[in-house]
Amino acid sequence: MPYRLIALDLDGTLLTSRHEITPRTREALRAARERGIVATVATGRSPHSARLISRDIGGGPIICCNGAAVYDEAGNPVSIKPIPQAPLLRCLEVCIEAGLLLECYTELGNYMDRPVAHMLAYKRWFLPRLSWARGLQALARIWRRNHVKPVRNLLKWAEQPDHPKVLKVMVVGEAANLGQAAARLGREVPGLSLTSSGRENIEVMAAGVNKGHGLQMLAARLKIPREALIAFGDSDNDLEMLTYAGTGVAMGNANDAAKAAAARVTGTNNEDGVAAAIEEMCLS
């Protein structure tokens, strides 16, 4: 069966280590679109950030916040699954007690408290190779892209009845503290699903939410059978998507779990791995 939809994780997959899309990858996606193949961003990122990348590769539907929000090509919601209020509050309480940093992703933007602590953590874990000046510039771009909105106290913000619905909680901190918090959330807080896109984070969504379910919702909307789906990914938050798609493709830089879940492995994100697989599977 010809492939009709390509689902693309972003960080570590579509984007190089310099957070760029290579000319070869752009050309492969352009050629695929000319053949009628839909390309969808499938990311843990916020709706605002996902839309920017989607527009940069020619537009298309979007799966974001690890499947908590799915939008069609026109930007209309296909599926929105926020975290229910009671599990959300308990999640925040457990993570605050563990000394972790929190960011709540919503359709209106990302909400956080302790912005200075976030700045130091992101520079340390995500932008270590940049000077402080360039790191702060990069962080400012990230915050603008995500429409970051600082609040005085995130838990009190979440307790307000009129706060925007939270699609995902990004939890950042030391690995030991993250492990303890994840264990407590799994034991004590029903109504959540947990995943990760790196050793420095936990990503929390409503129960049953993952990229695989988001891809299933989008494919049903577009009337595309499972066998005609390709999914690319590199990390734990891609596992369900790699398993659900007719062909899951792990990047050469993917973790072992992603490679085990995929049907095949391509080159790394710095070796045009996405482009190479699209050229072979869709354009040859």
C-alpha atoms as a PDB file:
ATOM      1  CA  MET A   1       0.000   0.000   0.000  1.00  0.00           C
ATOM      2  CA  PRO A   2       1.401   3.451  -0.898  1.00  0.00           C
ATOM      3  CA  TYR A   3       2.229   5.630   2.090  1.00  0.00           C
ATOM      4  CA  ARG A   4      -0.159   8.546   2.558  1.00  0.00           C
ATOM      5  CA  LEU A   5       0.863  10.182   5.833  1.00  0.00           C
ATOM      6  CA  ILE A   6       4.248  10.878   7.441  1.00  0.00           C
ATOM      7  CA  ALA A   7       4.308  11.680  11.179  1.00  0.00           C
ATOM      8  CA  LEU A   8       7.438  13.525  12.286  1.00  0.00           C
ATOM      9  CA  ASP A   9       8.799  13.939  15.774  1.00  0.00           C
ATOM     10  CA  LEU A  10      10.844  17.142  15.987  1.00  0.00           C
ATOM     11  CA  ASP A  11      13.709  17.247  18.479  1.00  0.00           C
ATOM     12  CA  GLY A  12      16.238  14.538  17.723  1.00  0.00           C
ATOM     13  CA  THR A  13      14.345  13.527  14.585  1.00  0.00           C
ATOM     14  CA  LEU A  14      13.300  16.154  12.020  1.00  0.00           C
ATOM     15  CA  LEU A  15      15.590  18.757  13.586  1.00  0.00           C
ATOM     16  CA  THR A  16      19.358  18.421  13.704  1.00  0.00           C
ATOM     17  CA  SER A  17      21.335  18.951  16.892  1.00  0.00           C
ATOM     18  CA  ARG A  18      21.489  22.606  15.861  1.00  0.00           C
ATOM     19  CA  HIS A  19      17.670  22.662  15.738  1.00  0.00           C
ATOM     20  CA  GLU A  20      17.638  23.071  11.970  1.00  0.00           C
ATOM     21  CA  ILE A  21      15.906  21.334   9.052  1.00  0.00           C
ATOM     22  CA  THR A  22      18.409  20.432   6.358  1.00  0.00           C
ATOM     23  CA  PRO A  23      17.885  21.309   2.671  1.00  0.00           C
ATOM     24  CA  ARG A  24      17.768  17.608   1.767  1.00  0.00           C
ATOM     25  CA  THR A  25      14.997  16.984   4.287  1.00  0.00           C
ATOM     26  CA  ARG A  26      13.022  19.985   3.054  1.00  0.00           C
ATOM     27  CA  GLU A  27      13.287  18.727  -0.517  1.00  0.00           C
ATOM     28  CA  ALA A  28      12.199  15.203   0.447  1.00  0.00           C
ATOM     29  CA  LEU A  29       9.127  16.554   2.243  1.00  0.00           C
ATOM     30  CA  ARG A  30       8.305  18.866  -0.686  1.00  0.00           C
ATOM     31  CA  ALA A  31       8.516  15.962  -3.116  1.00  0.00           C
ATOM     32  CA  ALA A  32       6.345  13.811  -0.851  1.00  0.00           C
ATOM     33  CA  ARG A  33       3.674  16.536  -0.674  1.00  0.00           C
ATOM     34  CA  GLU A  34       3.704  16.756  -4.479  1.00  0.00           C
ATOM     35  CA  ARG A  35       2.766  13.066  -4.518  1.00  0.00           C
ATOM     36  CA  GLY A  36      -0.187  13.749  -2.228  1.00  0.00           C
ATOM     37  CA  ILE A  37       1.448  12.534   0.986  1.00  0.00           C
ATOM     38  CA  VAL A  38       0.452  14.418   4.138  1.00  0.00           C
ATOM     39  CA  ALA A  39       3.224  15.415   6.565  1.00  0.00           C
ATOM     40  CA  THR A  40       2.237  16.026  10.173  1.00  0.00           C
ATOM     41  CA  VAL A  41       4.368  17.302  13.023  1.00  0.00           C
ATOM     42  CA  ALA A  42       4.004  14.913  15.994  1.00  0.00           C
ATOM     43  CA  THR A  43       5.709  16.454  18.990  1.00  0.00           C
ATOM     44  CA  GLY A  44       5.687  16.988  22.717  1.00  0.00           C
ATOM     45  CA  ARG A  45       6.037  20.702  22.042  1.00  0.00           C
ATOM     46  CA  SER A  46       3.312  23.281  22.629  1.00  0.00           C
ATOM     47  CA  PRO A  47       0.681  24.134  19.988  1.00  0.00           C
ATOM     48  CA  HIS A  48       2.367  27.460  19.200  1.00  0.00           C
ATOM     49  CA  SER A  49       5.807  25.928  18.712  1.00  0.00           C
ATOM     50  CA  ALA A  50       4.436  23.001  16.680  1.00  0.00           C
ATOM     51  CA  ARG A  51       2.567  25.366  14.338  1.00  0.00           C
ATOM     52  CA  LEU A  52       5.745  27.339  13.607  1.00  0.00           C
ATOM     53  CA  ILE A  53       7.637  24.206  12.569  1.00  0.00           C
ATOM     54  CA  SER A  54       4.679  22.920  10.573  1.00  0.00           C
ATOM     55  CA  ARG A  55       4.482  26.159   8.600  1.00  0.00           C
ATOM     56  CA  ASP A  56       8.224  25.995   8.024  1.00  0.00           C
ATOM     57  CA  ILE A  57       7.874  22.645   6.221  1.00  0.00           C
ATOM     58  CA  GLY A  58       4.855  23.659   4.154  1.00  0.00           C
ATOM     59  CA  GLY A  59       1.970  23.258   6.592  1.00  0.00           C
ATOM     60  CA  GLY A  60      -0.253  20.337   7.492  1.00  0.00           C
ATOM     61  CA  PRO A  61      -2.076  18.890  10.479  1.00  0.00           C
ATOM     62  CA  ILE A  62      -0.435  18.951  13.914  1.00  0.00           C
ATOM     63  CA  ILE A  63      -0.132  16.486  16.785  1.00  0.00           C
ATOM     64  CA  CYS A  64       1.296  18.300  19.816  1.00  0.00           C
ATOM     65  CA  CYS A  65       1.702  17.971  23.586  1.00  0.00           C
ATOM     66  CA  ASN A  66       2.331  14.258  22.940  1.00  0.00           C
ATOM     67  CA  GLY A  67      -1.132  13.786  21.436  1.00  0.00           C
ATOM     68  CA  ALA A  68      -3.139  15.835  23.950  1.00  0.00           C
ATOM     69  CA  ALA A  69      -4.023  18.218  21.105  1.00  0.00           C
ATOM     70  CA  VAL A  70      -4.538  17.328  17.446  1.00  0.00           C
ATOM     71  CA  TYR A  71      -5.421  19.921  14.807  1.00  0.00           C
ATOM     72  CA  ASP A  72      -6.288  19.573  11.131  1.00  0.00           C
ATOM     73  CA  GLU A  73      -4.515  21.474   8.372  1.00  0.00           C
ATOM     74  CA  ALA A  74      -6.800  24.490   8.827  1.00  0.00           C
ATOM     75  CA  GLY A  75      -6.048  24.646  12.549  1.00  0.00           C
ATOM     76  CA  ASN A  76      -9.372  23.218  13.670  1.00  0.00           C
ATOM     77  CA  PRO A  77      -9.236  20.878  16.682  1.00  0.00           C
ATOM     78  CA  VAL A  78      -9.587  17.178  15.927  1.00  0.00           C
ATOM     79  CA  SER A  79      -9.040  16.051  19.518  1.00  0.00           C
ATOM     80  CA  ILE A  80      -8.299  18.008  22.709  1.00  0.00           C
ATOM     81  CA  LYS A  81      -7.706  16.012  25.912  1.00  0.00           C
ATOM     82  CA  PRO A  82      -6.652  18.168  28.872  1.00  0.00           C
ATOM     83  CA  ILE A  83      -5.575  16.842  32.264  1.00  0.00           C
ATOM     84  CA  PRO A  84      -8.568  16.714  34.653  1.00  0.00           C
ATOM     85  CA  GLN A  85      -8.409  19.194  37.515  1.00  0.00           C
ATOM     86  CA  ALA A  86      -7.931  16.824  40.462  1.00  0.00           C
ATOM     87  CA  PRO A  87      -5.037  14.831  38.932  1.00  0.00           C
ATOM     88  CA  LEU A  88      -3.475  18.069  37.710  1.00  0.00           C
ATOM     89  CA  LEU A  89      -3.379  19.620  41.169  1.00  0.00           C
ATOM     90  CA  ARG A  90      -2.040  16.475  42.784  1.00  0.00           C
ATOM     91  CA  CYS A  91       0.629  16.187  40.078  1.00  0.00           C
ATOM     92  CA  LEU A  92       1.796  19.728  40.746  1.00  0.00           C
ATOM     93  CA  GLU A  93       1.850  19.134  44.504  1.00  0.00           C
ATOM     94  CA  VAL A  94       3.955  15.958  44.214  1.00  0.00           C
ATOM     95  CA  CYS A  95       6.448  17.576  41.848  1.00  0.00           C
ATOM     96  CA  ILE A  96       6.752  20.745  43.914  1.00  0.00           C
ATOM     97  CA  GLU A  97       7.443  18.617  47.004  1.00  0.00           C
ATOM     98  CA  ALA A  98      10.222  16.912  45.023  1.00  0.00           C
ATOM     99  CA  GLY A  99      11.828  20.278  44.204  1.00  0.00           C
ATOM    100  CA  LEU A 100      11.199  19.992  40.469  1.00  0.00           C
ATOM    101  CA  LEU A 101      10.527  22.747  37.933  1.00  0.00           C
ATOM    102  CA  LEU A 102       7.132  22.788  36.249  1.00  0.00           C
ATOM    103  CA  GLU A 103       5.661  24.238  33.069  1.00  0.00           C
ATOM    104  CA  CYS A 104       1.983  23.878  32.127  1.00  0.00           C
ATOM    105  CA  TYR A 105       1.262  23.720  28.387  1.00  0.00           C
ATOM    106  CA  THR A 106      -2.088  25.142  27.250  1.00  0.00           C
ATOM    107  CA  GLU A 107      -3.621  26.265  23.972  1.00  0.00           C
ATOM    108  CA  LEU A 108      -3.029  29.894  25.031  1.00  0.00           C
ATOM    109  CA  GLY A 109       0.609  29.474  26.007  1.00  0.00           C
ATOM    110  CA  ASN A 110       2.903  27.921  28.586  1.00  0.00           C
ATOM    111  CA  TYR A 111       2.600  28.926  32.242  1.00  0.00           C
ATOM    112  CA  MET A 112       5.446  28.715  34.771  1.00  0.00           C
ATOM    113  CA  ASP A 113       6.646  30.205  38.006  1.00  0.00           C
ATOM    114  CA  ARG A 114      10.306  30.469  39.108  1.00  0.00           C
ATOM    115  CA  PRO A 115      11.491  31.821  35.717  1.00  0.00           C
ATOM    116  CA  VAL A 116      15.073  32.411  36.924  1.00  0.00           C
ATOM    117  CA  ALA A 117      15.372  28.776  38.055  1.00  0.00           C
ATOM    118  CA  HIS A 118      13.968  27.666  34.680  1.00  0.00           C
ATOM    119  CA  MET A 119      16.503  29.829  32.896  1.00  0.00           C
ATOM    120  CA  LEU A 120      19.419  28.296  34.808  1.00  0.00           C
ATOM    121  CA  ALA A 121      18.124  24.749  34.313  1.00  0.00           C
ATOM    122  CA  TYR A 122      17.516  25.132  30.583  1.00  0.00           C
ATOM    123  CA  LYS A 123      20.958  26.658  30.086  1.00  0.00           C
ATOM    124  CA  ARG A 124      22.554  23.768  31.982  1.00  0.00           C
ATOM    125  CA  TRP A 125      20.643  20.861  30.421  1.00  0.00           C
ATOM    126  CA  PHE A 126      19.477  21.991  27.003  1.00  0.00           C
ATOM    127  CA  LEU A 127      21.880  24.744  25.899  1.00  0.00           C
ATOM    128  CA  PRO A 128      25.201  23.714  27.515  1.00  0.00           C
ATOM    129  CA  ARG A 129      27.380  24.388  24.474  1.00  0.00           C
ATOM    130  CA  LEU A 130      26.303  28.004  24.072  1.00  0.00           C
ATOM    131  CA  SER A 131      27.826  30.978  25.835  1.00  0.00           C
ATOM    132  CA  TRP A 132      25.625  32.667  28.406  1.00  0.00           C
ATOM    133  CA  ALA A 133      24.829  35.498  26.005  1.00  0.00           C
ATOM    134  CA  ARG A 134      23.845  33.188  23.146  1.00  0.00           C
ATOM    135  CA  GLY A 135      22.099  30.812  25.560  1.00  0.00           C
ATOM    136  CA  LEU A 136      19.907  33.613  26.891  1.00  0.00           C
ATOM    137  CA  GLN A 137      19.089  34.700  23.354  1.00  0.00           C
ATOM    138  CA  ALA A 138      18.115  31.134  22.447  1.00  0.00           C
ATOM    139  CA  LEU A 139      16.008  30.801  25.582  1.00  0.00           C
ATOM    140  CA  ALA A 140      14.242  34.084  24.832  1.00  0.00           C
ATOM    141  CA  ARG A 141      13.372  32.760  21.365  1.00  0.00           C
ATOM    142  CA  ILE A 142      12.054  29.513  22.889  1.00  0.00           C
ATOM    143  CA  TRP A 143       9.907  31.402  25.389  1.00  0.00           C
ATOM    144  CA  ARG A 144       8.501  33.695  22.674  1.00  0.00           C
ATOM    145  CA  ARG A 145       7.755  30.693  20.457  1.00  0.00           C
ATOM    146  CA  ASN A 146       5.894  28.983  23.300  1.00  0.00           C
ATOM    147  CA  HIS A 147       4.117  32.160  24.477  1.00  0.00           C
ATOM    148  CA  VAL A 148       5.534  31.632  27.980  1.00  0.00           C
ATOM    149  CA  LYS A 149       3.533  33.423  30.665  1.00  0.00           C
ATOM    150  CA  PRO A 150       5.159  33.687  34.143  1.00  0.00           C
ATOM    151  CA  VAL A 151       2.805  33.520  37.133  1.00  0.00           C
ATOM    152  CA  ARG A 152       3.527  34.141  40.812  1.00  0.00           C
ATOM    153  CA  ASN A 153       2.578  30.643  41.990  1.00  0.00           C
ATOM    154  CA  LEU A 154       1.787  27.849  39.533  1.00  0.00           C
ATOM    155  CA  LEU A 155      -0.211  25.746  41.997  1.00  0.00           C
ATOM    156  CA  LYS A 156      -2.430  28.684  42.972  1.00  0.00           C
ATOM    157  CA  TRP A 157      -2.829  29.523  39.276  1.00  0.00           C
ATOM    158  CA  ALA A 158      -3.989  25.951  38.617  1.00  0.00           C
ATOM    159  CA  GLU A 159      -6.439  26.114  41.512  1.00  0.00           C
ATOM    160  CA  GLN A 160      -8.356  28.933  39.838  1.00  0.00           C
ATOM    161  CA  PRO A 161     -11.520  27.629  38.138  1.00  0.00           C
ATOM    162  CA  ASP A 162     -11.015  29.726  35.004  1.00  0.00           C
ATOM    163  CA  HIS A 163      -7.416  28.800  34.181  1.00  0.00           C
ATOM    164  CA  PRO A 164      -6.782  27.529  30.617  1.00  0.00           C
ATOM    165  CA  LYS A 165      -7.045  23.752  30.297  1.00  0.00           C
ATOM    166  CA  VAL A 166      -3.649  22.123  30.789  1.00  0.00           C
ATOM    167  CA  LEU A 167      -2.654  19.743  28.001  1.00  0.00           C
ATOM    168  CA  LYS A 168       0.749  18.746  29.381  1.00  0.00           C
ATOM    169  CA  VAL A 169       2.939  19.363  32.393  1.00  0.00           C
ATOM    170  CA  MET A 170       6.644  19.459  31.621  1.00  0.00           C
ATOM    171  CA  VAL A 171       8.635  18.473  34.708  1.00  0.00           C
ATOM    172  CA  VAL A 172      12.382  19.210  34.733  1.00  0.00           C
ATOM    173  CA  GLY A 173      15.004  18.326  37.319  1.00  0.00           C
ATOM    174  CA  GLU A 174      17.670  15.941  38.528  1.00  0.00           C
ATOM    175  CA  ALA A 175      17.225  12.322  37.430  1.00  0.00           C
ATOM    176  CA  ALA A 176      16.916  10.955  40.981  1.00  0.00           C
ATOM    177  CA  ASN A 177      14.200  13.451  41.908  1.00  0.00           C
ATOM    178  CA  LEU A 178      12.390  12.804  38.650  1.00  0.00           C
ATOM    179  CA  GLY A 179      12.404   9.061  39.280  1.00  0.00           C
ATOM    180  CA  GLN A 180      10.992   9.467  42.778  1.00  0.00           C
ATOM    181  CA  ALA A 181       8.278  11.841  41.586  1.00  0.00           C
ATOM    182  CA  ALA A 182       7.335   9.533  38.679  1.00  0.00           C
ATOM    183  CA  ALA A 183       7.026   6.603  41.076  1.00  0.00           C
ATOM    184  CA  ARG A 184       4.783   8.597  43.412  1.00  0.00           C
ATOM    185  CA  LEU A 185       2.610   9.832  40.555  1.00  0.00           C
ATOM    186  CA  GLY A 186       2.210   6.275  39.297  1.00  0.00           C
ATOM    187  CA  ARG A 187       1.207   5.014  42.754  1.00  0.00           C
ATOM    188  CA  GLU A 188      -0.863   7.892  44.049  1.00  0.00           C
ATOM    189  CA  VAL A 189      -2.436   9.788  41.168  1.00  0.00           C
ATOM    190  CA  PRO A 190      -4.816   8.009  38.791  1.00  0.00           C
ATOM    191  CA  GLY A 191      -5.883   9.789  35.635  1.00  0.00           C
ATOM    192  CA  LEU A 192      -2.397  10.551  34.293  1.00  0.00           C
ATOM    193  CA  SER A 193      -0.040   9.173  31.659  1.00  0.00           C
ATOM    194  CA  LEU A 194       3.703   9.726  31.982  1.00  0.00           C
ATOM    195  CA  THR A 195       6.477   9.664  29.424  1.00  0.00           C
ATOM    196  CA  SER A 196       9.821  11.327  28.778  1.00  0.00           C
ATOM    197  CA  SER A 197      11.788  12.861  25.945  1.00  0.00           C
ATOM    198  CA  GLY A 198      15.096  12.868  27.827  1.00  0.00           C
ATOM    199  CA  ARG A 199      16.814  12.058  31.100  1.00  0.00           C
ATOM    200  CA  GLU A 200      16.113  15.541  32.448  1.00  0.00           C
ATOM    201  CA  ASN A 201      12.316  15.509  32.194  1.00  0.00           C
ATOM    202  CA  ILE A 202       8.985  13.829  32.782  1.00  0.00           C
ATOM    203  CA  GLU A 203       6.049  14.741  30.535  1.00  0.00           C
ATOM    204  CA  VAL A 204       2.617  14.351  32.112  1.00  0.00           C
ATOM    205  CA  MET A 205      -0.669  14.162  30.185  1.00  0.00           C
ATOM    206  CA  ALA A 206      -4.173  12.862  30.820  1.00  0.00           C
ATOM    207  CA  ALA A 207      -4.588   9.086  31.024  1.00  0.00           C
ATOM    208  CA  GLY A 208      -4.604   7.435  27.597  1.00  0.00           C
ATOM    209  CA  VAL A 209      -2.885  10.352  25.860  1.00  0.00           C
ATOM    210  CA  ASN A 210       0.141   9.579  23.695  1.00  0.00           C
ATOM    211  CA  LYS A 211       1.365  10.282  20.180  1.00  0.00           C
ATOM    212  CA  GLY A 212       0.083   6.935  18.942  1.00  0.00           C
ATOM    213  CA  HIS A 213      -3.474   7.775  19.970  1.00  0.00           C
ATOM    214  CA  GLY A 214      -3.112  11.229  18.435  1.00  0.00           C
ATOM    215  CA  LEU A 215      -1.940   9.685  15.167  1.00  0.00           C
ATOM    216  CA  GLN A 216      -4.881   7.295  15.254  1.00  0.00           C
ATOM    217  CA  MET A 217      -7.333  10.206  15.696  1.00  0.00           C
ATOM    218  CA  LEU A 218      -5.782  12.138  12.824  1.00  0.00           C
ATOM    219  CA  ALA A 219      -5.648   9.146  10.474  1.00  0.00           C
ATOM    220  CA  ALA A 220      -9.316   8.409  11.166  1.00  0.00           C
ATOM    221  CA  ARG A 221     -10.180  12.015  10.384  1.00  0.00           C
ATOM    222  CA  LEU A 222      -8.280  11.813   7.087  1.00  0.00           C
ATOM    223  CA  LYS A 223      -9.568   8.295   6.324  1.00  0.00           C
ATOM    224  CA  ILE A 224      -6.030   6.942   5.996  1.00  0.00           C
ATOM    225  CA  PRO A 225      -5.530   3.297   7.023  1.00  0.00           C
ATOM    226  CA  ARG A 226      -2.878   2.370   9.546  1.00  0.00           C
ATOM    227  CA  GLU A 227      -0.830   0.519   6.940  1.00  0.00           C
ATOM    228  CA  ALA A 228      -0.359   3.766   4.993  1.00  0.00           C
ATOM    229  CA  LEU A 229       1.276   5.609   7.925  1.00  0.00           C
ATOM    230  CA  ILE A 230       4.982   6.218   8.508  1.00  0.00           C
ATOM    231  CA  ALA A 231       6.142   7.580  11.871  1.00  0.00           C
ATOM    232  CA  PHE A 232       9.624   8.856  12.753  1.00  0.00           C
ATOM    233  CA  GLY A 233      10.901   9.182  16.328  1.00  0.00           C
ATOM    234  CA  ASP A 234      13.811   8.832  18.703  1.00  0.00           C
ATOM    235  CA  SER A 235      12.616   8.731  22.313  1.00  0.00           C
ATOM    236  CA  ASP A 236      10.212   7.272  24.872  1.00  0.00           C
ATOM    237  CA  ASN A 237       7.413   9.694  23.996  1.00  0.00           C
ATOM    238  CA  ASP A 238       7.476   8.284  20.437  1.00  0.00           C
ATOM    239  CA  LEU A 239       7.021   4.612  21.363  1.00  0.00           C
ATOM    240  CA  GLU A 240       3.250   4.330  20.909  1.00  0.00           C
ATOM    241  CA  MET A 241       3.409   6.225  17.612  1.00  0.00           C
ATOM    242  CA  LEU A 242       6.223   4.026  16.280  1.00  0.00           C
ATOM    243  CA  THR A 243       4.222   0.944  17.240  1.00  0.00           C
ATOM    244  CA  TYR A 244       0.890   2.178  15.867  1.00  0.00           C
ATOM    245  CA  ALA A 245       2.094   3.315  12.445  1.00  0.00           C
ATOM    246  CA  GLY A 246       2.213   0.805   9.621  1.00  0.00           C
ATOM    247  CA  THR A 247       5.944   1.515   9.490  1.00  0.00           C
ATOM    248  CA  GLY A 248       7.711   2.998  12.498  1.00  0.00           C
ATOM    249  CA  VAL A 249      11.156   4.387  11.752  1.00  0.00           C
ATOM    250  CA  ALA A 250      13.629   5.058  14.570  1.00  0.00           C
ATOM    251  CA  MET A 251      16.479   7.477  14.095  1.00  0.00           C
ATOM    252  CA  GLY A 252      20.054   6.250  14.294  1.00  0.00           C
ATOM    253  CA  ASN A 253      20.427   8.420  17.416  1.00  0.00           C
ATOM    254  CA  ALA A 254      17.257   6.988  19.013  1.00  0.00           C
ATOM    255  CA  ASN A 255      17.296   5.294  22.388  1.00  0.00           C
ATOM    256  CA  ASP A 256      17.127   1.504  22.600  1.00  0.00           C
ATOM    257  CA  ALA A 257      13.408   1.454  23.400  1.00  0.00           C
ATOM    258  CA  ALA A 258      12.548   3.465  20.289  1.00  0.00           C
ATOM    259  CA  LYS A 259      14.702   1.249  18.098  1.00  0.00           C
ATOM    260  CA  ALA A 260      13.028  -1.848  19.527  1.00  0.00           C
ATOM    261  CA  ALA A 261       9.553  -0.406  18.876  1.00  0.00           C
ATOM    262  CA  ALA A 262      10.300   0.563  15.273  1.00  0.00           C
ATOM    263  CA  ALA A 263      10.142  -1.588  12.164  1.00  0.00           C
ATOM    264  CA  ARG A 264      13.365  -0.103  10.838  1.00  0.00           C
ATOM    265  CA  VAL A 265      16.205   2.263  11.741  1.00  0.00           C
ATOM    266  CA  THR A 266      17.446   5.104   9.541  1.00  0.00           C
ATOM    267  CA  GLY A 267      20.397   7.490   9.839  1.00  0.00           C
ATOM    268  CA  THR A 268      20.750   9.973  12.666  1.00  0.00           C
ATOM    269  CA  ASN A 269      19.101  13.382  12.787  1.00  0.00           C
ATOM    270  CA  ASN A 270      22.466  14.869  11.775  1.00  0.00           C
ATOM    271  CA  GLU A 271      22.789  12.481   8.799  1.00  0.00           C
ATOM    272  CA  ASP A 272      19.523  13.318   6.993  1.00  0.00           C
ATOM    273  CA  GLY A 273      17.963  10.138   8.373  1.00  0.00           C
ATOM    274  CA  VAL A 274      14.403  11.357   7.753  1.00  0.00           C
ATOM    275  CA  ALA A 275      15.180  12.376   4.179  1.00  0.00           C
ATOM    276  CA  ALA A 276      16.929   9.091   3.398  1.00  0.00           C
ATOM    277  CA  ALA A 277      13.960   7.030   4.569  1.00  0.00           C
ATOM    278  CA  ILE A 278      11.401   9.178   2.738  1.00  0.00           C
ATOM    279  CA  GLU A 279      13.425   8.992  -0.475  1.00  0.00           C
ATOM    280  CA  GLU A 280      13.617   5.215  -0.263  1.00  0.00           C
ATOM    281  CA  MET A 281      10.081   4.461   0.933  1.00  0.00           C
ATOM    282  CA  CYS A 282       8.011   7.168  -0.773  1.00  0.00           C
ATOM    283  CA  LEU A 283       9.961   8.641  -3.687  1.00  0.00           C
ATOM    284  CA  SER A 284      11.859   5.758  -5.311  1.00  0.00           C
END
